[in-house]
Amino acid sequence: MTSEGSAPSADREYAAAEETTSRHPQDWGRAVAVVFERLAEQAAADGATVDDALLGADVALHISETADGVRIEAVWRAAG
């Protein structure tokens, strides 16, 4: 990922999820970071410079309870 580039050339939707074994929001940092890393990898595969493409982006998060903690899901609809 470089500092040059742009968002994907066409409207795209990227989704990622990660589970954590804690139900305490202060413990979810790593899981959220993994989710954003996965979104970035998907966008980079489409040719986006993620450093720029995610700035100002709206990302929908959904947090659901699991047996051991929570599942954090994100959807990013990137406009081209």
PDB file of N, CA and C in Angstrom:
ATOM      1  N   MET A   1       0.830  -1.165   0.000  1.00  0.00           N
ATOM      2  CA  MET A   1       0.000   0.000   0.000  1.00  0.00           C
ATOM      3  C   MET A   1       0.881   1.237   0.000  1.00  0.00           C
ATOM      4  N   THR A   2       0.619   2.084  -0.930  1.00  0.00           N
ATOM      5  CA  THR A   2       1.404   3.301  -1.042  1.00  0.00           C
ATOM      6  C   THR A   2       0.547   4.500  -0.718  1.00  0.00           C
ATOM      7  N   SER A   3       1.165   5.659  -0.723  1.00  0.00           N
ATOM      8  CA  SER A   3       0.390   6.864  -0.446  1.00  0.00           C
ATOM      9  C   SER A   3      -0.287   7.398  -1.696  1.00  0.00           C
ATOM     10  N   GLU A   4       0.040   6.871  -2.862  1.00  0.00           N
ATOM     11  CA  GLU A   4      -0.610   7.301  -4.093  1.00  0.00           C
ATOM     12  C   GLU A   4      -1.722   6.316  -4.420  1.00  0.00           C
ATOM     13  N   GLY A   5      -2.743   6.795  -5.140  1.00  0.00           N
ATOM     14  CA  GLY A   5      -3.815   5.905  -5.548  1.00  0.00           C
ATOM     15  C   GLY A   5      -5.159   6.489  -5.199  1.00  0.00           C
ATOM     16  N   SER A   6      -6.164   5.629  -5.273  1.00  0.00           N
ATOM     17  CA  SER A   6      -7.518   6.097  -5.047  1.00  0.00           C
ATOM     18  C   SER A   6      -8.387   4.951  -4.562  1.00  0.00           C
ATOM     19  N   ALA A   7      -9.660   5.259  -4.439  1.00  0.00           N
ATOM     20  CA  ALA A   7     -10.631   4.233  -4.080  1.00  0.00           C
ATOM     21  C   ALA A   7     -10.796   3.281  -5.254  1.00  0.00           C
ATOM     22  N   PRO A   8     -11.440   2.144  -5.054  1.00  0.00           N
ATOM     23  CA  PRO A   8     -11.700   1.219  -6.157  1.00  0.00           C
ATOM     24  C   PRO A   8     -12.436   1.939  -7.289  1.00  0.00           C
ATOM     25  N   SER A   9     -12.238   1.480  -8.523  1.00  0.00           N
ATOM     26  CA  SER A   9     -12.782   2.167  -9.677  1.00  0.00           C
ATOM     27  C   SER A   9     -14.289   1.993  -9.828  1.00  0.00           C
ATOM     28  N   ALA A  10     -14.886   1.030  -9.211  1.00  0.00           N
ATOM     29  CA  ALA A  10     -16.330   0.814  -9.296  1.00  0.00           C
ATOM     30  C   ALA A  10     -16.875   0.617  -7.888  1.00  0.00           C
ATOM     31  N   ASP A  11     -18.193   0.762  -7.754  1.00  0.00           N
ATOM     32  CA  ASP A  11     -18.789   0.524  -6.445  1.00  0.00           C
ATOM     33  C   ASP A  11     -18.524  -0.924  -6.040  1.00  0.00           C
ATOM     34  N   ARG A  12     -18.028  -1.102  -4.839  1.00  0.00           N
ATOM     35  CA  ARG A  12     -17.697  -2.428  -4.323  1.00  0.00           C
ATOM     36  C   ARG A  12     -18.213  -2.561  -2.903  1.00  0.00           C
ATOM     37  N   GLU A  13     -18.457  -3.798  -2.500  1.00  0.00           N
ATOM     38  CA  GLU A  13     -18.820  -4.066  -1.117  1.00  0.00           C
ATOM     39  C   GLU A  13     -17.832  -5.075  -0.559  1.00  0.00           C
ATOM     40  N   TYR A  14     -17.278  -4.731   0.577  1.00  0.00           N
ATOM     41  CA  TYR A  14     -16.321  -5.602   1.253  1.00  0.00           C
ATOM     42  C   TYR A  14     -16.896  -5.957   2.619  1.00  0.00           C
ATOM     43  N   ALA A  15     -16.682  -7.187   3.054  1.00  0.00           N
ATOM     44  CA  ALA A  15     -17.184  -7.627   4.349  1.00  0.00           C
ATOM     45  C   ALA A  15     -16.126  -8.470   5.042  1.00  0.00           C
ATOM     46  N   ALA A  16     -16.088  -8.342   6.359  1.00  0.00           N
ATOM     47  CA  ALA A  16     -15.134  -9.115   7.159  1.00  0.00           C
ATOM     48  C   ALA A  16     -15.716  -9.308   8.554  1.00  0.00           C
ATOM     49  N   ALA A  17     -15.224 -10.330   9.240  1.00  0.00           N
ATOM     50  CA  ALA A  17     -15.697 -10.611  10.598  1.00  0.00           C
ATOM     51  C   ALA A  17     -14.580 -11.237  11.416  1.00  0.00           C
ATOM     52  N   GLU A  18     -14.696 -11.074  12.722  1.00  0.00           N
ATOM     53  CA  GLU A  18     -13.749 -11.670  13.659  1.00  0.00           C
ATOM     54  C   GLU A  18     -14.481 -11.891  14.976  1.00  0.00           C
ATOM     55  N   GLU A  19     -14.109 -12.942  15.674  1.00  0.00           N
ATOM     56  CA  GLU A  19     -14.699 -13.222  16.982  1.00  0.00           C
ATOM     57  C   GLU A  19     -13.676 -12.958  18.072  1.00  0.00           C
ATOM     58  N   THR A  20     -14.193 -12.575  19.223  1.00  0.00           N
ATOM     59  CA  THR A  20     -13.354 -12.365  20.396  1.00  0.00           C
ATOM     60  C   THR A  20     -14.008 -13.074  21.575  1.00  0.00           C
ATOM     61  N   THR A  21     -13.212 -13.479  22.534  1.00  0.00           N
ATOM     62  CA  THR A  21     -13.741 -14.231  23.665  1.00  0.00           C
ATOM     63  C   THR A  21     -14.148 -13.341  24.828  1.00  0.00           C
ATOM     64  N   SER A  22     -14.168 -12.036  24.615  1.00  0.00           N
ATOM     65  CA  SER A  22     -14.585 -11.119  25.673  1.00  0.00           C
ATOM     66  C   SER A  22     -15.872 -10.412  25.277  1.00  0.00           C
ATOM     67  N   ARG A  23     -16.698 -10.155  26.236  1.00  0.00           N
ATOM     68  CA  ARG A  23     -17.928  -9.389  26.003  1.00  0.00           C
ATOM     69  C   ARG A  23     -17.753  -7.928  26.420  1.00  0.00           C
ATOM     70  N   HIS A  24     -16.547  -7.553  26.792  1.00  0.00           N
ATOM     71  CA  HIS A  24     -16.264  -6.202  27.246  1.00  0.00           C
ATOM     72  C   HIS A  24     -15.709  -5.367  26.088  1.00  0.00           C
ATOM     73  N   PRO A  25     -16.384  -4.292  25.718  1.00  0.00           N
ATOM     74  CA  PRO A  25     -15.946  -3.485  24.578  1.00  0.00           C
ATOM     75  C   PRO A  25     -14.490  -3.031  24.655  1.00  0.00           C
ATOM     76  N   GLN A  26     -13.971  -2.783  25.829  1.00  0.00           N
ATOM     77  CA  GLN A  26     -12.587  -2.334  25.945  1.00  0.00           C
ATOM     78  C   GLN A  26     -11.587  -3.414  25.515  1.00  0.00           C
ATOM     79  N   ASP A  27     -12.046  -4.649  25.352  1.00  0.00           N
ATOM     80  CA  ASP A  27     -11.173  -5.749  24.947  1.00  0.00           C
ATOM     81  C   ASP A  27     -11.271  -6.076  23.454  1.00  0.00           C
ATOM     82  N   TRP A  28     -12.040  -5.336  22.703  1.00  0.00           N
ATOM     83  CA  TRP A  28     -12.307  -5.691  21.315  1.00  0.00           C
ATOM     84  C   TRP A  28     -11.336  -5.070  20.305  1.00  0.00           C
ATOM     85  N   GLY A  29     -10.353  -4.353  20.763  1.00  0.00           N
ATOM     86  CA  GLY A  29      -9.446  -3.638  19.859  1.00  0.00           C
ATOM     87  C   GLY A  29      -8.785  -4.525  18.816  1.00  0.00           C
ATOM     88  N   ARG A  30      -8.240  -5.660  19.221  1.00  0.00           N
ATOM     89  CA  ARG A  30      -7.562  -6.538  18.273  1.00  0.00           C
ATOM     90  C   ARG A  30      -8.533  -7.060  17.228  1.00  0.00           C
ATOM     91  N   ALA A  31      -9.720  -7.453  17.660  1.00  0.00           N
ATOM     92  CA  ALA A  31     -10.709  -7.980  16.718  1.00  0.00           C
ATOM     93  C   ALA A  31     -11.126  -6.916  15.706  1.00  0.00           C
ATOM     94  N   VAL A  32     -11.326  -5.700  16.170  1.00  0.00           N
ATOM     95  CA  VAL A  32     -11.686  -4.614  15.254  1.00  0.00           C
ATOM     96  C   VAL A  32     -10.541  -4.350  14.277  1.00  0.00           C
ATOM     97  N   ALA A  33      -9.308  -4.370  14.768  1.00  0.00           N
ATOM     98  CA  ALA A  33      -8.152  -4.166  13.891  1.00  0.00           C
ATOM     99  C   ALA A  33      -8.064  -5.257  12.825  1.00  0.00           C
ATOM    100  N   VAL A  34      -8.329  -6.492  13.191  1.00  0.00           N
ATOM    101  CA  VAL A  34      -8.321  -7.603  12.234  1.00  0.00           C
ATOM    102  C   VAL A  34      -9.394  -7.396  11.170  1.00  0.00           C
ATOM    103  N   VAL A  35     -10.574  -6.970  11.589  1.00  0.00           N
ATOM    104  CA  VAL A  35     -11.667  -6.723  10.645  1.00  0.00           C
ATOM    105  C   VAL A  35     -11.250  -5.655   9.633  1.00  0.00           C
ATOM    106  N   PHE A  36     -10.686  -4.547  10.107  1.00  0.00           N
ATOM    107  CA  PHE A  36     -10.271  -3.492   9.186  1.00  0.00           C
ATOM    108  C   PHE A  36      -9.122  -3.938   8.292  1.00  0.00           C
ATOM    109  N   GLU A  37      -8.224  -4.745   8.814  1.00  0.00           N
ATOM    110  CA  GLU A  37      -7.134  -5.291   7.992  1.00  0.00           C
ATOM    111  C   GLU A  37      -7.700  -6.128   6.847  1.00  0.00           C
ATOM    112  N   ARG A  38      -8.689  -6.944   7.135  1.00  0.00           N
ATOM    113  CA  ARG A  38      -9.307  -7.778   6.096  1.00  0.00           C
ATOM    114  C   ARG A  38     -10.032  -6.938   5.048  1.00  0.00           C
ATOM    115  N   LEU A  39     -10.723  -5.889   5.487  1.00  0.00           N
ATOM    116  CA  LEU A  39     -11.358  -4.982   4.525  1.00  0.00           C
ATOM    117  C   LEU A  39     -10.304  -4.339   3.636  1.00  0.00           C
ATOM    118  N   ALA A  40      -9.207  -3.905   4.235  1.00  0.00           N
ATOM    119  CA  ALA A  40      -8.126  -3.270   3.485  1.00  0.00           C
ATOM    120  C   ALA A  40      -7.508  -4.230   2.473  1.00  0.00           C
ATOM    121  N   GLU A  41      -7.312  -5.470   2.870  1.00  0.00           N
ATOM    122  CA  GLU A  41      -6.741  -6.467   1.950  1.00  0.00           C
ATOM    123  C   GLU A  41      -7.653  -6.682   0.750  1.00  0.00           C
ATOM    124  N   GLN A  42      -8.960  -6.735   0.979  1.00  0.00           N
ATOM    125  CA  GLN A  42      -9.906  -6.926  -0.118  1.00  0.00           C
ATOM    126  C   GLN A  42      -9.869  -5.734  -1.081  1.00  0.00           C
ATOM    127  N   ALA A  43      -9.854  -4.535  -0.530  1.00  0.00           N
ATOM    128  CA  ALA A  43      -9.824  -3.339  -1.374  1.00  0.00           C
ATOM    129  C   ALA A  43      -8.505  -3.238  -2.127  1.00  0.00           C
ATOM    130  N   ALA A  44      -7.404  -3.591  -1.476  1.00  0.00           N
ATOM    131  CA  ALA A  44      -6.098  -3.554  -2.141  1.00  0.00           C
ATOM    132  C   ALA A  44      -6.060  -4.531  -3.308  1.00  0.00           C
ATOM    133  N   ALA A  45      -6.715  -5.672  -3.159  1.00  0.00           N
ATOM    134  CA  ALA A  45      -6.769  -6.649  -4.252  1.00  0.00           C
ATOM    135  C   ALA A  45      -7.521  -6.085  -5.452  1.00  0.00           C
ATOM    136  N   ASP A  46      -8.404  -5.100  -5.213  1.00  0.00           N
ATOM    137  CA  ASP A  46      -9.120  -4.431  -6.294  1.00  0.00           C
ATOM    138  C   ASP A  46      -8.370  -3.213  -6.815  1.00  0.00           C
ATOM    139  N   GLY A  47      -7.175  -2.965  -6.290  1.00  0.00           N
ATOM    140  CA  GLY A  47      -6.352  -1.872  -6.775  1.00  0.00           C
ATOM    141  C   GLY A  47      -6.469  -0.571  -6.003  1.00  0.00           C
ATOM    142  N   ALA A  48      -7.174  -0.577  -4.879  1.00  0.00           N
ATOM    143  CA  ALA A  48      -7.323   0.646  -4.093  1.00  0.00           C
ATOM    144  C   ALA A  48      -6.084   0.891  -3.245  1.00  0.00           C
ATOM    145  N   THR A  49      -5.777   2.145  -3.040  1.00  0.00           N
ATOM    146  CA  THR A  49      -4.788   2.529  -2.058  1.00  0.00           C
ATOM    147  C   THR A  49      -5.557   2.752  -0.774  1.00  0.00           C
ATOM    148  N   VAL A  50      -5.488   1.804   0.093  1.00  0.00           N
ATOM    149  CA  VAL A  50      -6.367   1.767   1.247  1.00  0.00           C
ATOM    150  C   VAL A  50      -6.109   2.937   2.196  1.00  0.00           C
ATOM    151  N   ASP A  51      -4.866   3.406   2.272  1.00  0.00           N
ATOM    152  CA  ASP A  51      -4.572   4.555   3.128  1.00  0.00           C
ATOM    153  C   ASP A  51      -5.484   5.722   2.776  1.00  0.00           C
ATOM    154  N   ASP A  52      -5.785   5.895   1.500  1.00  0.00           N
ATOM    155  CA  ASP A  52      -6.648   6.977   1.048  1.00  0.00           C
ATOM    156  C   ASP A  52      -8.111   6.545   0.997  1.00  0.00           C
ATOM    157  N   ALA A  53      -8.381   5.342   0.569  1.00  0.00           N
ATOM    158  CA  ALA A  53      -9.751   4.886   0.323  1.00  0.00           C
ATOM    159  C   ALA A  53     -10.580   4.823   1.596  1.00  0.00           C
ATOM    160  N   LEU A  54      -9.992   4.483   2.720  1.00  0.00           N
ATOM    161  CA  LEU A  54     -10.756   4.369   3.963  1.00  0.00           C
ATOM    162  C   LEU A  54     -11.013   5.721   4.635  1.00  0.00           C
ATOM    163  N   LEU A  55     -10.250   6.737   4.266  1.00  0.00           N
ATOM    164  CA  LEU A  55     -10.466   8.052   4.863  1.00  0.00           C
ATOM    165  C   LEU A  55     -11.835   8.581   4.467  1.00  0.00           C
ATOM    166  N   GLY A  56     -12.640   8.920   5.430  1.00  0.00           N
ATOM    167  CA  GLY A  56     -13.972   9.433   5.174  1.00  0.00           C
ATOM    168  C   GLY A  56     -15.000   8.365   4.836  1.00  0.00           C
ATOM    169  N   ALA A  57     -14.591   7.113   4.869  1.00  0.00           N
ATOM    170  CA  ALA A  57     -15.503   6.014   4.521  1.00  0.00           C
ATOM    171  C   ALA A  57     -16.472   5.727   5.662  1.00  0.00           C
ATOM    172  N   ASP A  58     -17.677   5.336   5.292  1.00  0.00           N
ATOM    173  CA  ASP A  58     -18.646   4.854   6.271  1.00  0.00           C
ATOM    174  C   ASP A  58     -18.574   3.333   6.278  1.00  0.00           C
ATOM    175  N   VAL A  59     -18.339   2.764   7.439  1.00  0.00           N
ATOM    176  CA  VAL A  59     -18.249   1.319   7.599  1.00  0.00           C
ATOM    177  C   VAL A  59     -19.302   0.899   8.617  1.00  0.00           C
ATOM    178  N   ALA A  60     -20.164  -0.027   8.237  1.00  0.00           N
ATOM    179  CA  ALA A  60     -21.206  -0.515   9.139  1.00  0.00           C
ATOM    180  C   ALA A  60     -20.647  -1.646   9.988  1.00  0.00           C
ATOM    181  N   LEU A  61     -20.816  -1.536  11.299  1.00  0.00           N
ATOM    182  CA  LEU A  61     -20.391  -2.577  12.230  1.00  0.00           C
ATOM    183  C   LEU A  61     -21.622  -3.232  12.848  1.00  0.00           C
ATOM    184  N   HIS A  62     -21.531  -4.540  12.990  1.00  0.00           N
ATOM    185  CA  HIS A  62     -22.574  -5.280  13.690  1.00  0.00           C
ATOM    186  C   HIS A  62     -21.882  -6.166  14.708  1.00  0.00           C
ATOM    187  N   ILE A  63     -22.325  -6.077  15.950  1.00  0.00           N
ATOM    188  CA  ILE A  63     -21.725  -6.863  17.026  1.00  0.00           C
ATOM    189  C   ILE A  63     -22.798  -7.791  17.572  1.00  0.00           C
ATOM    190  N   SER A  64     -22.508  -9.089  17.511  1.00  0.00           N
ATOM    191  CA  SER A  64     -23.472 -10.072  17.989  1.00  0.00           C
ATOM    192  C   SER A  64     -22.821 -10.966  19.039  1.00  0.00           C
ATOM    193  N   GLU A  65     -23.639 -11.427  19.937  1.00  0.00           N
ATOM    194  CA  GLU A  65     -23.179 -12.281  21.024  1.00  0.00           C
ATOM    195  C   GLU A  65     -22.895 -13.685  20.505  1.00  0.00           C
ATOM    196  N   THR A  66     -21.820 -14.284  21.000  1.00  0.00           N
ATOM    197  CA  THR A  66     -21.509 -15.679  20.727  1.00  0.00           C
ATOM    198  C   THR A  66     -21.471 -16.419  22.063  1.00  0.00           C
ATOM    199  N   ALA A  67     -21.276 -17.708  22.007  1.00  0.00           N
ATOM    200  CA  ALA A  67     -21.213 -18.494  23.240  1.00  0.00           C
ATOM    201  C   ALA A  67     -20.067 -18.046  24.144  1.00  0.00           C
ATOM    202  N   ASP A  68     -18.937 -17.622  23.532  1.00  0.00           N
ATOM    203  CA  ASP A  68     -17.747 -17.268  24.303  1.00  0.00           C
ATOM    204  C   ASP A  68     -17.460 -15.774  24.376  1.00  0.00           C
ATOM    205  N   GLY A  69     -18.153 -14.958  23.599  1.00  0.00           N
ATOM    206  CA  GLY A  69     -17.843 -13.534  23.576  1.00  0.00           C
ATOM    207  C   GLY A  69     -18.717 -12.806  22.580  1.00  0.00           C
ATOM    208  N   VAL A  70     -18.085 -12.194  21.559  1.00  0.00           N
ATOM    209  CA  VAL A  70     -18.836 -11.493  20.519  1.00  0.00           C
ATOM    210  C   VAL A  70     -18.208 -11.737  19.148  1.00  0.00           C
ATOM    211  N   ARG A  71     -19.026 -11.517  18.136  1.00  0.00           N
ATOM    212  CA  ARG A  71     -18.574 -11.543  16.742  1.00  0.00           C
ATOM    213  C   ARG A  71     -18.749 -10.126  16.218  1.00  0.00           C
ATOM    214  N   ILE A  72     -17.687  -9.584  15.646  1.00  0.00           N
ATOM    215  CA  ILE A  72     -17.698  -8.243  15.099  1.00  0.00           C
ATOM    216  C   ILE A  72     -17.652  -8.359  13.588  1.00  0.00           C
ATOM    217  N   GLU A  73     -18.686  -7.850  12.951  1.00  0.00           N
ATOM    218  CA  GLU A  73     -18.795  -7.905  11.481  1.00  0.00           C
ATOM    219  C   GLU A  73     -18.802  -6.473  10.954  1.00  0.00           C
ATOM    220  N   ALA A  74     -18.159  -6.270   9.824  1.00  0.00           N
ATOM    221  CA  ALA A  74     -18.116  -4.954   9.190  1.00  0.00           C
ATOM    222  C   ALA A  74     -18.423  -5.091   7.711  1.00  0.00           C
ATOM    223  N   VAL A  75     -19.130  -4.094   7.194  1.00  0.00           N
ATOM    224  CA  VAL A  75     -19.414  -4.006   5.760  1.00  0.00           C
ATOM    225  C   VAL A  75     -19.022  -2.601   5.325  1.00  0.00           C
ATOM    226  N   TRP A  76     -18.233  -2.535   4.262  1.00  0.00           N
ATOM    227  CA  TRP A  76     -17.788  -1.277   3.690  1.00  0.00           C
ATOM    228  C   TRP A  76     -18.255  -1.240   2.256  1.00  0.00           C
ATOM    229  N   ARG A  77     -19.101  -0.292   1.942  1.00  0.00           N
ATOM    230  CA  ARG A  77     -19.553  -0.094   0.567  1.00  0.00           C
ATOM    231  C   ARG A  77     -18.756   1.067   0.001  1.00  0.00           C
ATOM    232  N   ALA A  78     -17.757   0.734  -0.800  1.00  0.00           N
ATOM    233  CA  ALA A  78     -16.847   1.743  -1.346  1.00  0.00           C
ATOM    234  C   ALA A  78     -17.368   2.213  -2.698  1.00  0.00           C
ATOM    235  N   ALA A  79     -17.539   3.498  -2.808  1.00  0.00           N
ATOM    236  CA  ALA A  79     -17.983   4.073  -4.077  1.00  0.00           C
ATOM    237  C   ALA A  79     -16.778   4.361  -4.957  1.00  0.00           C
ATOM    238  N   GLY A  80     -16.924   4.053  -6.222  1.00  0.00           N
ATOM    239  CA  GLY A  80     -15.819   4.264  -7.159  1.00  0.00           C
ATOM    240  C   GLY A  80     -15.792   5.655  -7.698  1.00  0.00           C
TER     241      GLY A  80
END
